[in-house]
Amino acid sequence: MLTLPGPPPVEITLRRSARSRRFSLRVSQLDGRVTLSMPLRARESEAMEFARGHESWLRAALARRPTTQPLQMGGTLLVEGRLLTLDPGTTRSPQILGDSLLLPGNPDQAAPRAAAFLKTLARDRLAAASDHYATLIGRKVTRITLRDTRSRWGSCAHDGALMYSWRLVMAPPPVLTYVAAHEVAHMVEMNHSDAFWAVVTRLYPQWQTQRKWLHSHGRDLHAYQF
């Protein structure tokens, strides 16, 4: 572990790798952890010199990370592109009413209850969209799994099993729909060739707009702490 003097000081985790032929820095979008990859025989003094030489880039990358938003009653949450306020509810299950997401039960459990609501809603929306697009290409979805992934929004296995990030349900509905079309298209082309994008275009002609939204705003969906 190295520490780049402040303000504020930045802790850097060193990772030696036989595959590394040079130094490289990475800032995790998940927790802001800074990792410096380096060749096996490199010295820590060389790593520190590299970090100092890239300090401006490093601090700019850390500054660009979205501010985390711990959820609590009275706070706000994106649901299908709408910013809703978390308010106490008297119903047995969460319910959207106007600009509020009503959450029953202990107010201290607002975050896990909101997450459970999002996951249920995400499964319903993604299952419907995936089945729709699979029918258009004459294929069948065998299984849908939801995860809180950071490096990808979805994936498709050879047997027709699909995986999605449940955080997609926080994005505007067309974004979720595009990702479903994208993953279903992999049932035809398990790659990102021109043939694959032709299938995506047939299923969802305006995919470029939604893909651009994810590139520009996707990290904001990971800013919420559940």
C-alpha atoms as a PDB file:
ATOM      1  CA  MET A   1       0.000   0.000   0.000  1.00  0.00           C
ATOM      2  CA  LEU A   2       1.230   3.456  -0.949  1.00  0.00           C
ATOM      3  CA  THR A   3      -0.125   6.812   0.180  1.00  0.00           C
ATOM      4  CA  LEU A   4      -0.011   9.789  -2.142  1.00  0.00           C
ATOM      5  CA  PRO A   5       0.260  12.893   0.081  1.00  0.00           C
ATOM      6  CA  GLY A   6      -2.852  15.102   0.232  1.00  0.00           C
ATOM      7  CA  PRO A   7      -4.911  17.086   0.355  1.00  0.00           C
ATOM      8  CA  PRO A   8      -6.564  14.704   0.706  1.00  0.00           C
ATOM      9  CA  PRO A   9      -4.108  11.799   0.864  1.00  0.00           C
ATOM     10  CA  VAL A  10      -4.886   8.978  -1.566  1.00  0.00           C
ATOM     11  CA  GLU A  11      -4.276   5.352  -0.607  1.00  0.00           C
ATOM     12  CA  ILE A  12      -3.058   3.208  -3.491  1.00  0.00           C
ATOM     13  CA  THR A  13      -3.188  -0.576  -3.498  1.00  0.00           C
ATOM     14  CA  LEU A  14      -0.245  -2.171  -5.285  1.00  0.00           C
ATOM     15  CA  ARG A  15      -0.846  -5.236  -7.440  1.00  0.00           C
ATOM     16  CA  ARG A  16       2.153  -7.053  -8.821  1.00  0.00           C
ATOM     17  CA  SER A  17       1.455  -9.156 -11.871  1.00  0.00           C
ATOM     18  CA  ALA A  18       3.565 -11.364 -14.102  1.00  0.00           C
ATOM     19  CA  ARG A  19       1.466 -10.117 -17.014  1.00  0.00           C
ATOM     20  CA  SER A  20       2.186  -6.453 -16.340  1.00  0.00           C
ATOM     21  CA  ARG A  21       4.881  -4.977 -18.534  1.00  0.00           C
ATOM     22  CA  ARG A  22       4.268  -1.423 -17.392  1.00  0.00           C
ATOM     23  CA  PHE A  23       2.629   0.579 -14.630  1.00  0.00           C
ATOM     24  CA  SER A  24      -1.088   1.389 -14.813  1.00  0.00           C
ATOM     25  CA  LEU A  25      -3.613   3.080 -12.513  1.00  0.00           C
ATOM     26  CA  ARG A  26      -7.283   2.189 -12.081  1.00  0.00           C
ATOM     27  CA  VAL A  27     -10.014   3.869 -10.026  1.00  0.00           C
ATOM     28  CA  SER A  28     -12.915   1.584  -9.090  1.00  0.00           C
ATOM     29  CA  GLN A  29     -16.347   3.067  -9.800  1.00  0.00           C
ATOM     30  CA  LEU A  30     -17.733   0.806  -7.084  1.00  0.00           C
ATOM     31  CA  ASP A  31     -15.823   2.051  -4.034  1.00  0.00           C
ATOM     32  CA  GLY A  32     -13.243   4.533  -5.323  1.00  0.00           C
ATOM     33  CA  ARG A  33     -10.364   2.210  -4.551  1.00  0.00           C
ATOM     34  CA  VAL A  34      -7.184   3.082  -6.424  1.00  0.00           C
ATOM     35  CA  THR A  35      -5.102   0.184  -7.748  1.00  0.00           C
ATOM     36  CA  LEU A  36      -1.656   0.464  -9.310  1.00  0.00           C
ATOM     37  CA  SER A  37      -0.653  -2.560 -11.358  1.00  0.00           C
ATOM     38  CA  MET A  38       3.072  -3.090 -11.751  1.00  0.00           C
ATOM     39  CA  PRO A  39       5.617  -5.643 -13.057  1.00  0.00           C
ATOM     40  CA  LEU A  40       6.805  -8.282 -10.592  1.00  0.00           C
ATOM     41  CA  ARG A  41      10.340  -6.922 -10.286  1.00  0.00           C
ATOM     42  CA  ALA A  42       9.454  -3.231 -10.148  1.00  0.00           C
ATOM     43  CA  ARG A  43      10.318  -1.262  -7.015  1.00  0.00           C
ATOM     44  CA  GLU A  44       7.832   0.591  -4.838  1.00  0.00           C
ATOM     45  CA  SER A  45       9.818   3.763  -5.346  1.00  0.00           C
ATOM     46  CA  GLU A  46       9.175   3.448  -9.088  1.00  0.00           C
ATOM     47  CA  ALA A  47       5.472   2.928  -8.393  1.00  0.00           C
ATOM     48  CA  MET A  48       5.357   6.073  -6.268  1.00  0.00           C
ATOM     49  CA  GLU A  49       7.134   8.049  -8.971  1.00  0.00           C
ATOM     50  CA  PHE A  50       4.577   6.816 -11.521  1.00  0.00           C
ATOM     51  CA  ALA A  51       1.684   7.758  -9.221  1.00  0.00           C
ATOM     52  CA  ARG A  52       3.089  11.246  -8.665  1.00  0.00           C
ATOM     53  CA  GLY A  53       3.503  11.689 -12.401  1.00  0.00           C
ATOM     54  CA  HIS A  54      -0.172  10.881 -12.905  1.00  0.00           C
ATOM     55  CA  GLU A  55      -1.517  12.659  -9.832  1.00  0.00           C
ATOM     56  CA  SER A  56      -3.565  15.198 -11.786  1.00  0.00           C
ATOM     57  CA  TRP A  57      -5.325  12.457 -13.764  1.00  0.00           C
ATOM     58  CA  LEU A  58      -5.874  10.392 -10.615  1.00  0.00           C
ATOM     59  CA  ARG A  59      -7.456  13.188  -8.611  1.00  0.00           C
ATOM     60  CA  ALA A  60      -9.638  14.183 -11.561  1.00  0.00           C
ATOM     61  CA  ALA A  61     -10.844  10.567 -11.895  1.00  0.00           C
ATOM     62  CA  LEU A  62     -11.692  10.445  -8.194  1.00  0.00           C
ATOM     63  CA  ALA A  63     -13.542  13.762  -8.440  1.00  0.00           C
ATOM     64  CA  ARG A  64     -15.670  12.457 -11.337  1.00  0.00           C
ATOM     65  CA  ARG A  65     -17.034   9.585  -9.276  1.00  0.00           C
ATOM     66  CA  PRO A  66     -20.737  10.061  -8.484  1.00  0.00           C
ATOM     67  CA  THR A  67     -21.540  11.090  -4.943  1.00  0.00           C
ATOM     68  CA  THR A  68     -22.963   8.134  -3.049  1.00  0.00           C
ATOM     69  CA  GLN A  69     -26.523   8.521  -1.862  1.00  0.00           C
ATOM     70  CA  PRO A  70     -27.383   6.440   1.210  1.00  0.00           C
ATOM     71  CA  LEU A  71     -31.123   5.832   1.184  1.00  0.00           C
ATOM     72  CA  GLN A  72     -33.356   6.830   4.048  1.00  0.00           C
ATOM     73  CA  MET A  73     -36.935   7.891   4.576  1.00  0.00           C
ATOM     74  CA  GLY A  74     -37.467  11.321   3.062  1.00  0.00           C
ATOM     75  CA  GLY A  75     -34.694  10.797   0.521  1.00  0.00           C
ATOM     76  CA  THR A  76     -35.166  10.340  -3.203  1.00  0.00           C
ATOM     77  CA  LEU A  77     -34.727   7.372  -5.529  1.00  0.00           C
ATOM     78  CA  LEU A  78     -34.853   6.931  -9.299  1.00  0.00           C
ATOM     79  CA  VAL A  79     -37.579   4.507 -10.384  1.00  0.00           C
ATOM     80  CA  GLU A  80     -38.034   4.044 -14.140  1.00  0.00           C
ATOM     81  CA  GLY A  81     -36.503   7.432 -14.783  1.00  0.00           C
ATOM     82  CA  ARG A  82     -38.646   9.248 -12.206  1.00  0.00           C
ATOM     83  CA  LEU A  83     -37.214  10.767  -9.036  1.00  0.00           C
ATOM     84  CA  LEU A  84     -39.483   9.595  -6.211  1.00  0.00           C
ATOM     85  CA  THR A  85     -39.451  10.554  -2.543  1.00  0.00           C
ATOM     86  CA  LEU A  86     -39.359   7.719   0.000  1.00  0.00           C
ATOM     87  CA  ASP A  87     -42.332   8.208   2.332  1.00  0.00           C
ATOM     88  CA  PRO A  88     -43.908   6.034   5.048  1.00  0.00           C
ATOM     89  CA  GLY A  89     -46.761   3.861   3.824  1.00  0.00           C
ATOM     90  CA  THR A  90     -49.592   1.960   5.478  1.00  0.00           C
ATOM     91  CA  THR A  91     -50.119  -0.683   2.784  1.00  0.00           C
ATOM     92  CA  ARG A  92     -48.661  -4.187   3.118  1.00  0.00           C
ATOM     93  CA  SER A  93     -46.267  -3.695   0.203  1.00  0.00           C
ATOM     94  CA  PRO A  94     -44.435  -0.712  -1.352  1.00  0.00           C
ATOM     95  CA  GLN A  95     -46.537   1.420  -3.645  1.00  0.00           C
ATOM     96  CA  ILE A  96     -45.927   4.339  -6.004  1.00  0.00           C
ATOM     97  CA  LEU A  97     -48.348   7.176  -5.393  1.00  0.00           C
ATOM     98  CA  GLY A  98     -47.773  10.395  -7.297  1.00  0.00           C
ATOM     99  CA  ASP A  99     -44.162  11.406  -6.763  1.00  0.00           C
ATOM    100  CA  SER A 100     -43.709   9.167  -3.732  1.00  0.00           C
ATOM    101  CA  LEU A 101     -42.634   5.600  -3.158  1.00  0.00           C
ATOM    102  CA  LEU A 102     -44.588   4.555  -0.076  1.00  0.00           C
ATOM    103  CA  LEU A 103     -42.697   2.078   2.085  1.00  0.00           C
ATOM    104  CA  PRO A 104     -44.497   0.293   4.934  1.00  0.00           C
ATOM    105  CA  GLY A 105     -42.859  -0.944   8.109  1.00  0.00           C
ATOM    106  CA  ASN A 106     -39.871   0.255  10.093  1.00  0.00           C
ATOM    107  CA  PRO A 107     -38.484   3.523   8.623  1.00  0.00           C
ATOM    108  CA  ASP A 108     -34.980   2.288   9.426  1.00  0.00           C
ATOM    109  CA  GLN A 109     -35.515  -0.469   6.851  1.00  0.00           C
ATOM    110  CA  ALA A 110     -36.302   1.945   4.021  1.00  0.00           C
ATOM    111  CA  ALA A 111     -33.195   1.053   2.007  1.00  0.00           C
ATOM    112  CA  PRO A 112     -33.633  -2.761   1.934  1.00  0.00           C
ATOM    113  CA  ARG A 113     -37.379  -2.420   1.336  1.00  0.00           C
ATOM    114  CA  ALA A 114     -36.743  -0.059  -1.577  1.00  0.00           C
ATOM    115  CA  ALA A 115     -34.161  -2.466  -3.003  1.00  0.00           C
ATOM    116  CA  ALA A 116     -36.592  -5.385  -2.745  1.00  0.00           C
ATOM    117  CA  PHE A 117     -39.240  -3.317  -4.550  1.00  0.00           C
ATOM    118  CA  LEU A 118     -36.811  -2.432  -7.343  1.00  0.00           C
ATOM    119  CA  LYS A 119     -35.737  -6.054  -7.804  1.00  0.00           C
ATOM    120  CA  THR A 120     -39.327  -7.255  -8.092  1.00  0.00           C
ATOM    121  CA  LEU A 121     -40.159  -4.501 -10.562  1.00  0.00           C
ATOM    122  CA  ALA A 122     -36.971  -5.156 -12.534  1.00  0.00           C
ATOM    123  CA  ARG A 123     -37.761  -8.858 -12.862  1.00  0.00           C
ATOM    124  CA  ASP A 124     -41.257  -8.124 -14.159  1.00  0.00           C
ATOM    125  CA  ARG A 125     -40.061  -5.542 -16.690  1.00  0.00           C
ATOM    126  CA  LEU A 126     -37.035  -7.504 -17.886  1.00  0.00           C
ATOM    127  CA  ALA A 127     -38.920 -10.800 -18.168  1.00  0.00           C
ATOM    128  CA  ALA A 128     -41.631  -9.170 -20.284  1.00  0.00           C
ATOM    129  CA  ALA A 129     -39.153  -7.385 -22.566  1.00  0.00           C
ATOM    130  CA  SER A 130     -36.894 -10.423 -22.924  1.00  0.00           C
ATOM    131  CA  ASP A 131     -39.765 -12.763 -23.779  1.00  0.00           C
ATOM    132  CA  HIS A 132     -41.090 -10.249 -26.298  1.00  0.00           C
ATOM    133  CA  TYR A 133     -37.828  -9.955 -28.192  1.00  0.00           C
ATOM    134  CA  ALA A 134     -37.049 -13.662 -27.945  1.00  0.00           C
ATOM    135  CA  THR A 135     -40.397 -14.401 -29.603  1.00  0.00           C
ATOM    136  CA  LEU A 136     -39.519 -12.055 -32.471  1.00  0.00           C
ATOM    137  CA  ILE A 137     -36.424 -14.099 -33.304  1.00  0.00           C
ATOM    138  CA  GLY A 138     -38.011 -17.479 -32.633  1.00  0.00           C
ATOM    139  CA  ARG A 139     -35.983 -18.205 -29.483  1.00  0.00           C
ATOM    140  CA  LYS A 140     -36.884 -18.892 -25.861  1.00  0.00           C
ATOM    141  CA  VAL A 141     -35.521 -17.428 -22.646  1.00  0.00           C
ATOM    142  CA  THR A 142     -34.623 -20.269 -20.291  1.00  0.00           C
ATOM    143  CA  ARG A 143     -33.795 -18.287 -17.170  1.00  0.00           C
ATOM    144  CA  ILE A 144     -33.433 -14.724 -15.943  1.00  0.00           C
ATOM    145  CA  THR A 145     -31.045 -13.878 -13.127  1.00  0.00           C
ATOM    146  CA  LEU A 146     -30.750 -10.493 -11.464  1.00  0.00           C
ATOM    147  CA  ARG A 147     -27.482  -9.277  -9.967  1.00  0.00           C
ATOM    148  CA  ASP A 148     -25.938  -6.035  -8.797  1.00  0.00           C
ATOM    149  CA  THR A 149     -23.183  -6.025 -11.406  1.00  0.00           C
ATOM    150  CA  ARG A 150     -20.807  -3.136 -12.002  1.00  0.00           C
ATOM    151  CA  SER A 151     -18.925  -4.045 -15.158  1.00  0.00           C
ATOM    152  CA  ARG A 152     -21.901  -4.974 -17.364  1.00  0.00           C
ATOM    153  CA  TRP A 153     -25.625  -4.398 -17.572  1.00  0.00           C
ATOM    154  CA  GLY A 154     -26.466  -7.838 -18.859  1.00  0.00           C
ATOM    155  CA  SER A 155     -25.204 -11.053 -20.382  1.00  0.00           C
ATOM    156  CA  CYS A 156     -26.489 -13.987 -22.399  1.00  0.00           C
ATOM    157  CA  ALA A 157     -25.458 -17.635 -22.124  1.00  0.00           C
ATOM    158  CA  HIS A 158     -25.523 -20.192 -24.950  1.00  0.00           C
ATOM    159  CA  ASP A 159     -28.519 -21.956 -23.374  1.00  0.00           C
ATOM    160  CA  GLY A 160     -30.710 -18.839 -23.468  1.00  0.00           C
ATOM    161  CA  ALA A 161     -30.132 -17.849 -19.837  1.00  0.00           C
ATOM    162  CA  LEU A 162     -30.012 -14.082 -19.350  1.00  0.00           C
ATOM    163  CA  MET A 163     -28.445 -12.046 -16.553  1.00  0.00           C
ATOM    164  CA  TYR A 164     -29.281  -8.411 -15.865  1.00  0.00           C
ATOM    165  CA  SER A 165     -28.389  -5.731 -13.375  1.00  0.00           C
ATOM    166  CA  TRP A 166     -31.550  -4.981 -11.430  1.00  0.00           C
ATOM    167  CA  ARG A 167     -30.473  -1.324 -11.279  1.00  0.00           C
ATOM    168  CA  LEU A 168     -31.652  -1.014 -14.893  1.00  0.00           C
ATOM    169  CA  VAL A 169     -35.162  -0.467 -13.565  1.00  0.00           C
ATOM    170  CA  MET A 170     -34.026   2.898 -12.199  1.00  0.00           C
ATOM    171  CA  ALA A 171     -33.256   4.099 -15.740  1.00  0.00           C
ATOM    172  CA  PRO A 172     -35.928   5.381 -18.132  1.00  0.00           C
ATOM    173  CA  PRO A 173     -37.953   2.408 -19.472  1.00  0.00           C
ATOM    174  CA  PRO A 174     -36.538   2.626 -23.042  1.00  0.00           C
ATOM    175  CA  VAL A 175     -33.046   2.032 -21.629  1.00  0.00           C
ATOM    176  CA  LEU A 176     -34.118  -1.199 -19.932  1.00  0.00           C
ATOM    177  CA  THR A 177     -35.923  -2.258 -23.086  1.00  0.00           C
ATOM    178  CA  TYR A 178     -32.817  -1.671 -25.201  1.00  0.00           C
ATOM    179  CA  VAL A 179     -30.633  -3.765 -22.886  1.00  0.00           C
ATOM    180  CA  ALA A 180     -33.157  -6.606 -23.094  1.00  0.00           C
ATOM    181  CA  ALA A 181     -33.096  -6.413 -26.907  1.00  0.00           C
ATOM    182  CA  HIS A 182     -29.286  -6.312 -26.826  1.00  0.00           C
ATOM    183  CA  GLU A 183     -28.974  -9.452 -24.710  1.00  0.00           C
ATOM    184  CA  VAL A 184     -31.647 -11.355 -26.620  1.00  0.00           C
ATOM    185  CA  ALA A 185     -29.798 -10.527 -29.854  1.00  0.00           C
ATOM    186  CA  HIS A 186     -26.880 -12.523 -28.470  1.00  0.00           C
ATOM    187  CA  MET A 187     -29.049 -15.635 -28.826  1.00  0.00           C
ATOM    188  CA  VAL A 188     -28.470 -15.209 -32.551  1.00  0.00           C
ATOM    189  CA  GLU A 189     -24.929 -13.781 -32.527  1.00  0.00           C
ATOM    190  CA  MET A 190     -22.714 -14.472 -29.498  1.00  0.00           C
ATOM    191  CA  ASN A 191     -20.411 -11.578 -30.345  1.00  0.00           C
ATOM    192  CA  HIS A 192     -20.484  -7.878 -31.182  1.00  0.00           C
ATOM    193  CA  SER A 193     -20.008  -8.214 -34.920  1.00  0.00           C
ATOM    194  CA  ASP A 194     -21.841  -6.245 -37.588  1.00  0.00           C
ATOM    195  CA  ALA A 195     -24.253  -9.170 -37.835  1.00  0.00           C
ATOM    196  CA  PHE A 196     -25.025  -8.826 -34.129  1.00  0.00           C
ATOM    197  CA  TRP A 197     -25.760  -5.114 -34.371  1.00  0.00           C
ATOM    198  CA  ALA A 198     -27.994  -5.808 -37.357  1.00  0.00           C
ATOM    199  CA  VAL A 199     -30.101  -8.059 -35.126  1.00  0.00           C
ATOM    200  CA  VAL A 200     -30.194  -5.374 -32.419  1.00  0.00           C
ATOM    201  CA  THR A 201     -31.291  -2.795 -34.997  1.00  0.00           C
ATOM    202  CA  ARG A 202     -34.077  -5.079 -36.176  1.00  0.00           C
ATOM    203  CA  LEU A 203     -35.303  -5.563 -32.619  1.00  0.00           C
ATOM    204  CA  TYR A 204     -34.756  -2.014 -31.345  1.00  0.00           C
ATOM    205  CA  PRO A 205     -34.018   0.499 -34.133  1.00  0.00           C
ATOM    206  CA  GLN A 206     -33.238   3.446 -31.801  1.00  0.00           C
ATOM    207  CA  TRP A 207     -30.672   1.560 -29.730  1.00  0.00           C
ATOM    208  CA  GLN A 208     -27.937   4.196 -30.182  1.00  0.00           C
ATOM    209  CA  THR A 209     -29.861   6.747 -28.105  1.00  0.00           C
ATOM    210  CA  GLN A 210     -30.353   4.382 -25.179  1.00  0.00           C
ATOM    211  CA  ARG A 211     -26.784   3.090 -25.331  1.00  0.00           C
ATOM    212  CA  LYS A 212     -25.537   6.670 -25.189  1.00  0.00           C
ATOM    213  CA  TRP A 213     -27.718   7.297 -22.118  1.00  0.00           C
ATOM    214  CA  LEU A 214     -26.118   4.362 -20.329  1.00  0.00           C
ATOM    215  CA  HIS A 215     -22.625   5.570 -21.177  1.00  0.00           C
ATOM    216  CA  SER A 216     -23.458   9.072 -19.917  1.00  0.00           C
ATOM    217  CA  HIS A 217     -25.635   8.311 -16.886  1.00  0.00           C
ATOM    218  CA  GLY A 218     -25.190   4.641 -16.023  1.00  0.00           C
ATOM    219  CA  ARG A 219     -22.746   5.354 -13.229  1.00  0.00           C
ATOM    220  CA  ASP A 220     -25.408   7.485 -11.503  1.00  0.00           C
ATOM    221  CA  LEU A 221     -27.490   4.340 -10.946  1.00  0.00           C
ATOM    222  CA  HIS A 222     -24.633   2.881  -8.908  1.00  0.00           C
ATOM    223  CA  ALA A 223     -24.468   5.925  -6.651  1.00  0.00           C
ATOM    224  CA  TYR A 224     -27.373   4.685  -4.503  1.00  0.00           C
ATOM    225  CA  GLN A 225     -26.368   2.701  -1.435  1.00  0.00           C
ATOM    226  CA  PHE A 226     -28.867   0.077  -0.391  1.00  0.00           C
END
